[in-house]
Amino acid sequence: MPDEITFMDLACLMSLTPDITFEKFGSAINSSIFDASNLAGTLKQKQLIDFSSYYPGPNTIVISETGKTLMAEADTKATTPFDTLDQEVLTQVSGGKRIPIELQNTLNIRSKDLALHLYKLWKQGLIIYELRSGTVNLQLTEAGYLKAKGTPTPTPGAAAAATPQDSQMGMPAAQMKPPTPSPTSSIQMPTSLTPQPGTMPSRTTPPPPPQPPHPMPGVQAAADPKPAAPKPQPNNTLTYAAIAVIIVLILLALFYFYVLKK
């Protein structure tokens, strides 16, 4: 009987809460009432749980002494170091073996040993499990995936380690030491501009005045066009004389018309 212990049994025992009733056992393991009845009967047959009834109250499920001993053994197994079998289990789960019965058939080990190692990996945060419809599915966590691929898990202290240059860059400006100037980097300026005796001061020739730009022939013709010839103004004297003649003729015609009529 102890060799027939499976990880599903441990998962069901971990799902039991104090004073849980038989009617609520299905919702606790995310299964139907039919699947919950079969699992409860299996746990009772393995002497891992007991039923207590208080008439007219509901039936409650409690963990038996055998079940408590099994849980204590699993907790003790979870404190052991990571070994080769744990590495092989993670490798198989990363390859797609999500059901414990598939792992058992692949590794060819006892169901209880596999159940204890799966509980150990779950306790160490390398795998998670999900109960649904009377079965359990396994999945790797990030740490479990890195462990399965042989990648070292990053530790919080690794990020704190830095080179002395990086630590100096993170220091405040008041604590950073200024660089020591080298003798070759200093530049000596002359202390006096007085010419030495026996030498003639150099005479500076002023630069020639800037010459105006020479315009191009085509550009000059376009920029300075010739002014247009003024239009001839009409002779106003002739215009006024013609108007006066017309008025005189009109007056003579009117005068002649009135004289002949009389």
Protein backbone atom coordinates (compact mmCIF):
# COMPACT_ATOMS: atom_id res chain seq x y z
CA MET A 1 0.00 0.00 0.00
CA PRO A 2 2.70 2.67 0.72
CA ASP A 3 4.27 2.05 -2.70
CA GLU A 4 0.94 2.99 -4.36
CA ILE A 5 1.03 6.54 -3.09
CA THR A 6 0.86 9.03 -5.97
CA PHE A 7 1.36 12.74 -6.25
CA MET A 8 -2.41 13.07 -6.76
CA ASP A 9 -2.86 11.73 -3.23
CA LEU A 10 -0.50 14.35 -1.83
CA ALA A 11 -2.24 17.08 -3.83
CA CYS A 12 -5.63 16.03 -2.49
CA LEU A 13 -4.35 15.96 1.08
CA MET A 14 -2.93 19.47 0.63
CA SER A 15 -6.34 20.64 -0.62
CA LEU A 16 -8.14 19.52 2.52
CA THR A 17 -8.97 22.23 5.02
CA PRO A 18 -10.21 21.78 8.59
CA ASP A 19 -13.89 20.87 8.76
CA ILE A 20 -14.21 20.46 4.99
CA THR A 21 -17.35 18.60 4.02
CA PHE A 22 -17.71 15.87 1.46
CA GLU A 23 -19.98 18.09 -0.62
CA LYS A 24 -17.25 20.78 -0.88
CA PHE A 25 -14.44 18.36 -1.66
CA GLY A 26 -15.19 18.52 -5.42
CA SER A 27 -14.82 22.30 -5.55
CA ALA A 28 -11.63 22.08 -3.47
CA ILE A 29 -9.93 19.91 -6.10
CA ASN A 30 -11.68 21.57 -9.08
CA SER A 31 -13.49 18.40 -10.09
CA SER A 32 -17.01 17.15 -10.47
CA ILE A 33 -18.84 15.35 -7.69
CA PHE A 34 -18.31 12.07 -9.52
CA ASP A 35 -14.51 12.51 -9.76
CA ALA A 36 -14.39 13.79 -6.18
CA SER A 37 -16.23 10.66 -4.97
CA ASN A 38 -13.75 8.38 -6.75
CA LEU A 39 -10.75 10.24 -5.31
CA ALA A 40 -12.24 10.29 -1.82
CA GLY A 41 -12.85 6.53 -2.03
CA THR A 42 -9.24 5.97 -3.17
CA LEU A 43 -7.87 8.06 -0.29
CA LYS A 44 -10.09 6.16 2.15
CA GLN A 45 -8.94 2.83 0.75
CA LYS A 46 -5.30 3.91 1.26
CA GLN A 47 -6.23 4.92 4.83
CA LEU A 48 -5.13 8.51 4.25
CA ILE A 49 -8.48 10.13 5.25
CA ASP A 50 -11.40 9.40 7.52
CA PHE A 51 -15.06 10.41 7.41
CA SER A 52 -16.87 11.78 10.41
CA SER A 53 -20.62 12.29 10.48
CA TYR A 54 -22.57 14.26 13.03
CA TYR A 55 -26.24 13.62 12.52
CA PRO A 56 -28.02 15.62 11.22
CA GLY A 57 -24.93 17.62 10.10
CA PRO A 58 -22.93 17.04 6.89
CA ASN A 59 -20.12 14.53 6.50
CA THR A 60 -16.64 15.96 7.07
CA ILE A 61 -13.29 14.73 5.77
CA VAL A 62 -10.26 14.65 8.07
CA ILE A 63 -6.70 13.50 7.46
CA SER A 64 -5.92 10.25 9.23
CA GLU A 65 -2.77 9.45 11.15
CA THR A 66 -1.39 7.64 8.12
CA GLY A 67 -2.01 10.71 6.00
CA LYS A 68 -0.29 12.96 8.55
CA THR A 69 2.70 10.65 8.61
CA LEU A 70 2.88 10.77 4.81
CA MET A 71 2.77 14.58 4.82
CA ALA A 72 5.52 14.72 7.45
CA GLU A 73 7.67 12.40 5.32
CA ALA A 74 7.08 14.62 2.28
CA ASP A 75 8.10 17.73 4.23
CA THR A 76 11.29 16.01 5.34
CA LYS A 77 12.05 15.00 1.74
CA ALA A 78 11.56 18.60 0.59
CA THR A 79 14.49 19.74 2.74
CA THR A 80 17.00 17.44 1.02
CA PRO A 81 19.43 18.87 -1.57
CA PHE A 82 18.72 18.89 -5.28
CA ASP A 83 19.83 15.56 -6.79
CA THR A 84 20.11 13.80 -10.15
CA LEU A 85 16.56 12.41 -10.06
CA ASP A 86 15.19 15.91 -9.54
CA GLN A 87 17.18 17.09 -12.57
CA GLU A 88 15.79 14.25 -14.68
CA VAL A 89 12.22 15.01 -13.58
CA LEU A 90 12.63 18.67 -14.59
CA THR A 91 14.09 17.61 -17.93
CA GLN A 92 11.14 15.32 -18.66
CA VAL A 93 8.58 17.96 -17.65
CA SER A 94 10.30 20.52 -19.90
CA GLY A 95 10.07 17.99 -22.72
CA GLY A 96 6.26 17.77 -22.44
CA LYS A 97 5.60 15.14 -19.75
CA ARG A 98 2.91 16.96 -17.77
CA ILE A 99 1.10 14.01 -16.13
CA PRO A 100 2.77 12.08 -13.27
CA ILE A 101 1.85 8.68 -14.76
CA GLU A 102 3.81 9.60 -17.91
CA LEU A 103 6.83 10.51 -15.81
CA GLN A 104 6.54 7.24 -13.91
CA ASN A 105 6.46 5.20 -17.11
CA THR A 106 9.38 7.14 -18.61
CA LEU A 107 11.63 7.04 -15.53
CA ASN A 108 10.47 3.58 -14.41
CA ILE A 109 10.48 4.37 -10.68
CA ARG A 110 8.03 3.79 -7.87
CA SER A 111 5.00 6.05 -7.71
CA LYS A 112 5.73 7.05 -4.10
CA ASP A 113 9.32 8.07 -4.88
CA LEU A 114 8.12 10.14 -7.82
CA ALA A 115 5.40 11.72 -5.67
CA LEU A 116 7.91 12.71 -2.98
CA HIS A 117 10.28 14.23 -5.54
CA LEU A 118 7.47 16.16 -7.21
CA TYR A 119 6.41 17.47 -3.79
CA LYS A 120 10.02 18.47 -3.15
CA LEU A 121 10.26 20.33 -6.45
CA TRP A 122 6.96 22.08 -5.73
CA LYS A 123 8.16 23.12 -2.29
CA GLN A 124 11.38 24.51 -3.77
CA GLY A 125 9.42 26.57 -6.32
CA LEU A 126 10.63 24.69 -9.40
CA ILE A 127 7.24 23.33 -10.54
CA ILE A 128 3.56 24.08 -10.04
CA TYR A 129 0.56 21.81 -10.40
CA GLU A 130 -3.10 22.21 -11.33
CA LEU A 131 -5.96 19.95 -10.28
CA ARG A 132 -8.75 19.58 -12.81
CA SER A 133 -11.33 16.87 -13.56
CA GLY A 134 -9.70 14.32 -11.28
CA THR A 135 -6.20 14.70 -12.77
CA VAL A 136 -3.11 16.75 -11.99
CA ASN A 137 -1.04 18.65 -14.57
CA LEU A 138 2.53 19.78 -13.97
CA GLN A 139 4.25 22.93 -15.23
CA LEU A 140 7.71 24.40 -14.79
CA THR A 141 8.35 27.76 -13.20
CA GLU A 142 11.03 30.12 -14.50
CA ALA A 143 13.50 28.82 -11.94
CA GLY A 144 12.61 25.25 -12.86
CA TYR A 145 13.11 25.89 -16.56
CA LEU A 146 16.53 27.45 -15.97
CA LYS A 147 17.41 24.53 -13.72
CA ALA A 148 16.32 22.02 -16.36
CA LYS A 149 18.42 23.72 -19.05
CA GLY A 150 21.47 23.91 -16.81
CA THR A 151 21.41 27.72 -16.59
CA PRO A 152 22.46 29.04 -13.18
CA THR A 153 19.65 30.81 -11.39
CA PRO A 154 20.47 34.52 -10.86
CA THR A 155 20.86 35.46 -7.21
CA PRO A 156 20.01 38.88 -5.74
CA GLY A 157 23.62 39.36 -4.58
CA ALA A 158 25.02 39.00 -8.11
CA ALA A 159 23.51 42.27 -9.21
CA ALA A 160 25.07 44.10 -6.24
CA ALA A 161 28.61 43.07 -7.20
CA ALA A 162 30.22 45.77 -9.35
CA THR A 163 33.68 46.80 -10.46
CA PRO A 164 35.54 49.58 -8.60
CA GLN A 165 35.13 51.84 -11.63
CA ASP A 166 31.36 51.30 -11.63
CA SER A 167 31.18 51.96 -7.90
CA GLN A 168 33.13 55.17 -8.33
CA MET A 169 30.71 56.27 -11.04
CA GLY A 170 27.84 55.76 -8.61
CA MET A 171 29.50 57.82 -5.85
CA PRO A 172 28.36 61.38 -5.14
CA ALA A 173 30.32 64.23 -6.69
CA ALA A 174 31.65 65.34 -3.30
CA GLN A 175 33.26 61.91 -2.68
CA MET A 176 34.84 61.41 -6.11
CA LYS A 177 38.58 62.18 -6.22
CA PRO A 178 39.67 64.54 -9.00
CA PRO A 179 42.26 63.15 -11.42
CA THR A 180 45.87 64.02 -10.57
CA PRO A 181 47.38 66.20 -13.33
CA SER A 182 50.50 64.83 -14.96
CA PRO A 183 53.67 66.99 -15.33
CA THR A 184 53.48 66.77 -19.10
CA SER A 185 49.90 68.00 -19.23
CA SER A 186 50.66 71.44 -17.72
CA ILE A 187 51.15 74.30 -20.20
CA GLN A 188 53.54 77.14 -19.27
CA MET A 189 52.46 80.56 -20.43
CA PRO A 190 55.04 83.35 -21.09
CA THR A 191 55.32 85.75 -18.18
CA SER A 192 56.20 88.80 -20.30
CA LEU A 193 55.67 89.95 -23.84
CA THR A 194 58.70 92.32 -23.81
CA PRO A 195 60.96 91.57 -26.79
CA GLN A 196 64.39 90.27 -26.00
CA PRO A 197 67.32 92.61 -26.52
CA GLY A 198 68.91 92.34 -29.93
CA THR A 199 65.70 91.28 -31.62
CA MET A 200 63.37 93.44 -33.65
CA PRO A 201 59.70 93.24 -32.98
CA SER A 202 57.80 91.77 -35.83
CA ARG A 203 55.69 94.29 -37.73
CA THR A 204 52.25 93.07 -38.44
CA THR A 205 50.95 93.92 -41.89
CA PRO A 206 47.25 94.87 -41.84
CA PRO A 207 45.05 92.73 -44.06
CA PRO A 208 43.95 94.26 -47.38
CA PRO A 209 40.47 95.82 -47.44
CA PRO A 210 37.76 93.55 -48.77
CA GLN A 211 37.13 93.95 -52.47
CA PRO A 212 33.56 94.31 -53.67
CA PRO A 213 32.35 91.31 -55.61
CA HIS A 214 32.53 91.61 -59.38
CA PRO A 215 29.06 91.12 -60.74
CA MET A 216 28.53 88.93 -63.73
CA PRO A 217 27.38 90.59 -66.99
CA GLY A 218 24.11 88.73 -67.16
CA VAL A 219 23.31 89.33 -63.48
CA GLN A 220 24.09 93.08 -63.76
CA ALA A 221 21.76 93.46 -66.73
CA ALA A 222 18.99 91.66 -64.85
CA ALA A 223 19.51 93.62 -61.64
CA ASP A 224 19.70 97.14 -63.24
CA PRO A 225 17.16 97.29 -66.11
CA LYS A 226 16.96 100.45 -68.26
CA PRO A 227 14.16 102.87 -67.32
CA ALA A 228 11.20 102.98 -69.70
CA ALA A 229 10.71 106.06 -71.94
CA PRO A 230 8.06 108.49 -70.63
CA LYS A 231 4.72 108.51 -72.46
CA PRO A 232 3.85 111.72 -74.39
CA GLN A 233 1.34 113.92 -72.57
CA PRO A 234 -1.69 115.11 -74.59
CA ASN A 235 -1.90 118.85 -75.50
CA ASN A 236 -4.61 120.31 -73.29
CA THR A 237 -4.66 123.68 -75.17
CA LEU A 238 -5.89 122.13 -78.39
CA THR A 239 -8.54 120.21 -76.51
CA TYR A 240 -9.91 123.34 -74.84
CA ALA A 241 -9.92 125.26 -78.20
CA ALA A 242 -11.87 122.53 -79.91
CA ILE A 243 -14.44 122.52 -77.12
CA ALA A 244 -14.82 126.31 -77.33
CA VAL A 245 -15.36 126.17 -81.10
CA ILE A 246 -18.05 123.54 -80.69
CA ILE A 247 -19.85 125.65 -78.08
CA VAL A 248 -19.73 128.74 -80.33
CA LEU A 249 -21.18 126.80 -83.23
CA ILE A 250 -23.98 125.52 -81.06
CA LEU A 251 -24.82 129.01 -79.86
CA LEU A 252 -24.82 130.35 -83.44
CA ALA A 253 -27.10 127.59 -84.55
CA LEU A 254 -29.52 128.29 -81.75
CA PHE A 255 -29.42 132.00 -82.44
CA TYR A 256 -30.03 131.48 -86.15
CA PHE A 257 -32.89 129.12 -85.45
CA TYR A 258 -34.69 131.55 -83.18
CA VAL A 259 -34.19 134.51 -85.58
CA LEU A 260 -35.59 132.63 -88.60
CA LYS A 261 -38.54 131.39 -86.61
CA LYS A 262 -39.59 134.89 -85.66
